[in-house]
């Protein structure tokens, strides 16, 4: 009898390990994320120290948007077996929660463990740009042997733009377009041109972006805006009308329509869409005063304030 008990004690951990790994394999094959989480959780219940189960459950939690849950699981793994992959993934979850300082810390740790981790280096640069540490972002990306890509050039352009070095910013935007002439690269360069008041060049890029992706709403909005600022009101009307029909609560499109109708001297429709934008904004912010500050979350207030302020005064006087 003692012999059989001894064999049982020897075999039990092996059986538990085998059962936990079987559940992990099932979880990795499952297509449904909730099912993955259930299977990985079962594996953890059987074998509480199974770090693979925690790691894969964290990945699944991140993919369903449970970023806090993912962080908890990654932290358990990092405590016992810190690796570059664990810190990188936890950094992604922290970034998704807009915890940029936490993400920066994790991406930095990942690079300490693996200095050749390109994805971590890129993600760190993006995070540094978000934190307005533009010189830090450039330092991460402008290194020898780093494979250049449109995404890297766009982040470099963003950093140089933040430093007001517009020539270097344009140089990198052009490089991104050259490597990958896509909706995104044309759109981002167009936004840059808008920011330095080069509306004609911006319009050309937004036209290319819309041509490559007909249903791209942001490109359509900015093309309409560039048309408006170039005084091409009929073209602007087409873009803003399409956006407003697609989403009747799009207050930026409604303001664009109002400003365009004002440019066409159609004050009846200008007033109509101005009041529509106000109604949407008051619905979202019932406690805000009915002044120009009501519009502080709009593109026009934030990026085209001089033009918008003059327009607002005229509309408010009607």
Foldseek 3Di string as FASTA:
>chain_A
DVVVVVVCVVCVVVVLVVQLVVLQVVLVPDPDLVSSLVSLVVSCVSPVLPLSSLQSNLVSCVVVPVLVSSLVSLVSNCVPPNALVSLQSNLVSCVVVVVLVSSLVSLVVSCVRPVPPLVSLQVNLVSCLVVLVLVVSCVSLPDPPRDDALSSLQSNLSSCVSVVVNVSSLVSLVVSCVRPVALVSLQSVLVSCVLVPVLVSSLVSLVSSCVRPVPDLVSLQSNLVSCLVVLVLVSSLVSLVVNCVVPVLPLQSLQSNLSSCVSVVNNVSNLVSPVSSLVSLCVVPVPDDPDCVSCCPHCCCVRVVVVVVVVRVVSVVD
